[in-house]
Structure formats: structure tokens, C-alpha cells
Amino acid sequence: MADLKFEIIQNIGTISESAKGRAKELNLISWNDREPKYDIRDWDSSHEKMGKGVTLTADELKSLRELLNDEEL
């Protein structure tokens, strides 16, 4: 399996933290030198180990925001 290259361009914020010290974060990340995308996933404190996540384009993130704004939480 090829190495996965990533660069966190901007840490937007932490959504939650687990008791084990992992943080679910929203970041703007460039994967394999591609155009940066918004990314939600769990990270360890050094940003070396990550969990599964979801990656969104700016348009997809805007659509998600609109859906959440319409939802009664």
C-alpha cells in the first residue's frame, strides 16, 4: 500500500474529545498534494495517527451547513 501524504492546512476546530485523548476535529487538509478539502475525523494529539473520517468539498460543507441550519437540534 502506498504511503498516504497529507498536510493539515488549517485546523478549524475540535468537535469533541474522547477519554483516550483522541480528538474529533474539523480541518482543511491536502491529501496527496491535491486541492485541500474539509475533513472530519479522529486524531491523536500529535496528528500522526488518525481514524476513519469524511472528506467534503467546500460546496458539500455548505450543503451540510444548510441541512443542519434547517434541523431542530
N, C-alpha and C. Protein backbone atom coordinates (compact mmCIF):
# COMPACT_ATOMS: atom_id res chain seq x y z
N MET A 1 0.85 -1.19 0.00
CA MET A 1 0.00 0.00 0.00
C MET A 1 0.89 1.24 0.00
N ALA A 2 0.56 2.19 -0.83
CA ALA A 2 1.35 3.41 -0.95
C ALA A 2 1.17 4.27 0.30
N ASP A 3 2.21 5.05 0.60
CA ASP A 3 2.12 5.96 1.73
C ASP A 3 1.09 7.04 1.45
N LEU A 4 0.37 7.40 2.49
CA LEU A 4 -0.63 8.45 2.41
C LEU A 4 0.02 9.75 2.85
N LYS A 5 0.04 10.72 1.96
CA LYS A 5 0.64 12.01 2.28
C LYS A 5 -0.48 12.99 2.56
N PHE A 6 -0.33 13.73 3.66
CA PHE A 6 -1.34 14.74 3.99
C PHE A 6 -0.67 15.94 4.64
N GLU A 7 -1.31 17.08 4.48
CA GLU A 7 -0.86 18.31 5.14
C GLU A 7 -2.10 19.01 5.68
N ILE A 8 -2.11 19.24 6.97
CA ILE A 8 -3.20 20.00 7.58
C ILE A 8 -2.94 21.47 7.28
N ILE A 9 -3.75 22.03 6.42
CA ILE A 9 -3.60 23.43 6.01
C ILE A 9 -4.12 24.35 7.11
N GLN A 10 -5.29 23.98 7.68
CA GLN A 10 -5.90 24.80 8.72
C GLN A 10 -6.68 23.91 9.68
N ASN A 11 -6.42 24.06 10.97
CA ASN A 11 -7.22 23.40 11.99
C ASN A 11 -8.37 24.34 12.31
N ILE A 12 -9.58 23.95 11.95
CA ILE A 12 -10.73 24.82 12.14
C ILE A 12 -11.26 24.70 13.56
N GLY A 13 -11.26 23.48 14.10
CA GLY A 13 -11.69 23.34 15.48
C GLY A 13 -11.89 21.90 15.89
N THR A 14 -12.03 21.72 17.20
CA THR A 14 -12.27 20.41 17.79
C THR A 14 -13.76 20.26 18.07
N ILE A 15 -14.33 19.16 17.59
CA ILE A 15 -15.75 18.88 17.78
C ILE A 15 -15.97 18.20 19.13
N SER A 16 -15.10 17.23 19.47
CA SER A 16 -15.20 16.52 20.75
C SER A 16 -13.86 15.87 21.05
N GLU A 17 -13.72 15.44 22.31
CA GLU A 17 -12.52 14.73 22.74
C GLU A 17 -12.93 13.47 23.48
N SER A 18 -12.22 12.37 23.23
CA SER A 18 -12.51 11.11 23.90
C SER A 18 -11.69 10.99 25.18
N ALA A 19 -12.08 10.05 26.03
CA ALA A 19 -11.34 9.79 27.26
C ALA A 19 -9.94 9.26 26.97
N LYS A 20 -9.74 8.70 25.78
CA LYS A 20 -8.43 8.14 25.41
C LYS A 20 -7.50 9.18 24.81
N GLY A 21 -7.93 10.44 24.77
CA GLY A 21 -7.07 11.50 24.29
C GLY A 21 -7.15 11.79 22.80
N ARG A 22 -8.08 11.15 22.11
CA ARG A 22 -8.24 11.43 20.69
C ARG A 22 -9.28 12.55 20.52
N ALA A 23 -9.08 13.37 19.51
CA ALA A 23 -9.96 14.50 19.27
C ALA A 23 -10.61 14.37 17.90
N LYS A 24 -11.91 14.59 17.84
CA LYS A 24 -12.62 14.66 16.56
C LYS A 24 -12.53 16.11 16.11
N GLU A 25 -11.89 16.32 14.96
CA GLU A 25 -11.59 17.68 14.50
C GLU A 25 -12.15 17.94 13.11
N LEU A 26 -12.39 19.22 12.85
CA LEU A 26 -12.67 19.70 11.50
C LEU A 26 -11.42 20.43 11.04
N ASN A 27 -10.82 19.92 9.96
CA ASN A 27 -9.60 20.50 9.41
C ASN A 27 -9.74 20.70 7.91
N LEU A 28 -8.94 21.59 7.37
CA LEU A 28 -8.77 21.73 5.93
C LEU A 28 -7.47 21.01 5.60
N ILE A 29 -7.57 19.92 4.81
CA ILE A 29 -6.41 19.04 4.58
C ILE A 29 -6.17 18.84 3.08
N SER A 30 -4.90 18.86 2.70
CA SER A 30 -4.49 18.48 1.36
C SER A 30 -4.02 17.04 1.42
N TRP A 31 -4.71 16.14 0.69
CA TRP A 31 -4.35 14.73 0.63
C TRP A 31 -3.55 14.47 -0.64
N ASN A 32 -2.36 13.91 -0.50
CA ASN A 32 -1.50 13.55 -1.65
C ASN A 32 -1.30 14.72 -2.61
N ASP A 33 -1.01 15.90 -2.04
CA ASP A 33 -0.72 17.13 -2.80
C ASP A 33 -1.89 17.60 -3.67
N ARG A 34 -3.09 17.21 -3.34
CA ARG A 34 -4.27 17.65 -4.09
C ARG A 34 -4.87 18.89 -3.44
N GLU A 35 -5.89 19.43 -4.11
CA GLU A 35 -6.62 20.59 -3.60
C GLU A 35 -7.14 20.28 -2.19
N PRO A 36 -6.96 21.20 -1.24
CA PRO A 36 -7.43 20.95 0.13
C PRO A 36 -8.95 20.77 0.19
N LYS A 37 -9.37 19.88 1.10
CA LYS A 37 -10.78 19.63 1.35
C LYS A 37 -11.02 19.66 2.85
N TYR A 38 -12.29 19.86 3.21
CA TYR A 38 -12.67 19.85 4.62
C TYR A 38 -12.77 18.40 5.08
N ASP A 39 -12.33 18.14 6.29
CA ASP A 39 -12.18 16.78 6.76
C ASP A 39 -12.59 16.69 8.23
N ILE A 40 -13.44 15.71 8.55
CA ILE A 40 -13.83 15.43 9.92
C ILE A 40 -13.36 14.03 10.26
N ARG A 41 -12.51 13.91 11.30
CA ARG A 41 -12.03 12.59 11.73
C ARG A 41 -11.36 12.71 13.08
N ASP A 42 -11.11 11.54 13.71
CA ASP A 42 -10.41 11.48 14.99
C ASP A 42 -8.91 11.51 14.75
N TRP A 43 -8.20 12.23 15.62
CA TRP A 43 -6.74 12.33 15.56
C TRP A 43 -6.15 12.11 16.95
N ASP A 44 -4.92 11.60 16.98
CA ASP A 44 -4.19 11.60 18.25
C ASP A 44 -3.62 13.01 18.44
N SER A 45 -3.03 13.25 19.60
CA SER A 45 -2.58 14.61 19.92
C SER A 45 -1.45 15.10 19.02
N SER A 46 -0.69 14.19 18.43
CA SER A 46 0.43 14.60 17.57
C SER A 46 0.06 14.66 16.09
N HIS A 47 -1.17 14.33 15.76
CA HIS A 47 -1.66 14.30 14.38
C HIS A 47 -0.86 13.31 13.51
N GLU A 48 -0.41 12.22 14.13
CA GLU A 48 0.28 11.17 13.38
C GLU A 48 -0.63 9.99 13.10
N LYS A 49 -1.55 9.70 14.04
CA LYS A 49 -2.49 8.60 13.87
C LYS A 49 -3.89 9.16 13.73
N MET A 50 -4.63 8.58 12.79
CA MET A 50 -5.98 9.09 12.52
C MET A 50 -6.96 7.94 12.42
N GLY A 51 -8.22 8.25 12.66
CA GLY A 51 -9.29 7.29 12.47
C GLY A 51 -9.96 7.52 11.13
N LYS A 52 -10.98 6.73 10.86
CA LYS A 52 -11.75 6.92 9.64
C LYS A 52 -12.50 8.24 9.74
N GLY A 53 -12.73 8.85 8.60
CA GLY A 53 -13.41 10.14 8.61
C GLY A 53 -14.17 10.37 7.32
N VAL A 54 -14.61 11.59 7.18
CA VAL A 54 -15.33 12.01 5.98
C VAL A 54 -14.66 13.28 5.46
N THR A 55 -14.51 13.34 4.14
CA THR A 55 -13.89 14.48 3.48
C THR A 55 -14.93 15.15 2.59
N LEU A 56 -15.00 16.48 2.68
CA LEU A 56 -16.03 17.24 1.97
C LEU A 56 -15.41 18.39 1.18
N THR A 57 -15.96 18.64 0.00
CA THR A 57 -15.58 19.84 -0.74
C THR A 57 -16.25 21.04 -0.07
N ALA A 58 -15.86 22.23 -0.45
CA ALA A 58 -16.48 23.43 0.11
C ALA A 58 -17.98 23.45 -0.18
N ASP A 59 -18.40 23.05 -1.38
CA ASP A 59 -19.82 23.01 -1.72
C ASP A 59 -20.57 21.99 -0.86
N GLU A 60 -19.96 20.83 -0.62
CA GLU A 60 -20.59 19.82 0.23
C GLU A 60 -20.71 20.30 1.67
N LEU A 61 -19.70 21.01 2.16
CA LEU A 61 -19.75 21.54 3.51
C LEU A 61 -20.84 22.60 3.63
N LYS A 62 -21.01 23.42 2.61
CA LYS A 62 -22.09 24.42 2.61
C LYS A 62 -23.45 23.73 2.62
N SER A 63 -23.60 22.66 1.86
CA SER A 63 -24.86 21.92 1.84
C SER A 63 -25.13 21.31 3.21
N LEU A 64 -24.11 20.76 3.85
CA LEU A 64 -24.26 20.21 5.19
C LEU A 64 -24.69 21.29 6.17
N ARG A 65 -24.07 22.46 6.09
CA ARG A 65 -24.44 23.57 6.97
C ARG A 65 -25.90 23.94 6.79
N GLU A 66 -26.35 24.02 5.53
CA GLU A 66 -27.75 24.35 5.27
C GLU A 66 -28.69 23.29 5.86
N LEU A 67 -28.34 22.03 5.71
CA LEU A 67 -29.15 20.94 6.28
C LEU A 67 -29.23 21.07 7.80
N LEU A 68 -28.10 21.34 8.43
CA LEU A 68 -28.07 21.45 9.88
C LEU A 68 -28.79 22.70 10.37
N ASN A 69 -28.70 23.79 9.61
CA ASN A 69 -29.42 25.01 10.00
C ASN A 69 -30.93 24.80 9.96
N ASP A 70 -31.40 23.94 9.06
CA ASP A 70 -32.83 23.67 8.96
C ASP A 70 -33.32 22.64 9.97
N GLU A 71 -32.39 21.94 10.61
CA GLU A 71 -32.73 20.89 11.56
C GLU A 71 -32.91 21.47 12.96
N GLU A 72 -33.95 21.01 13.65
CA GLU A 72 -34.15 21.42 15.02
C GLU A 72 -33.36 20.47 15.93
N LEU A 73 -32.30 20.97 16.52
CA LEU A 73 -31.42 20.13 17.36
C LEU A 73 -31.70 20.35 18.84
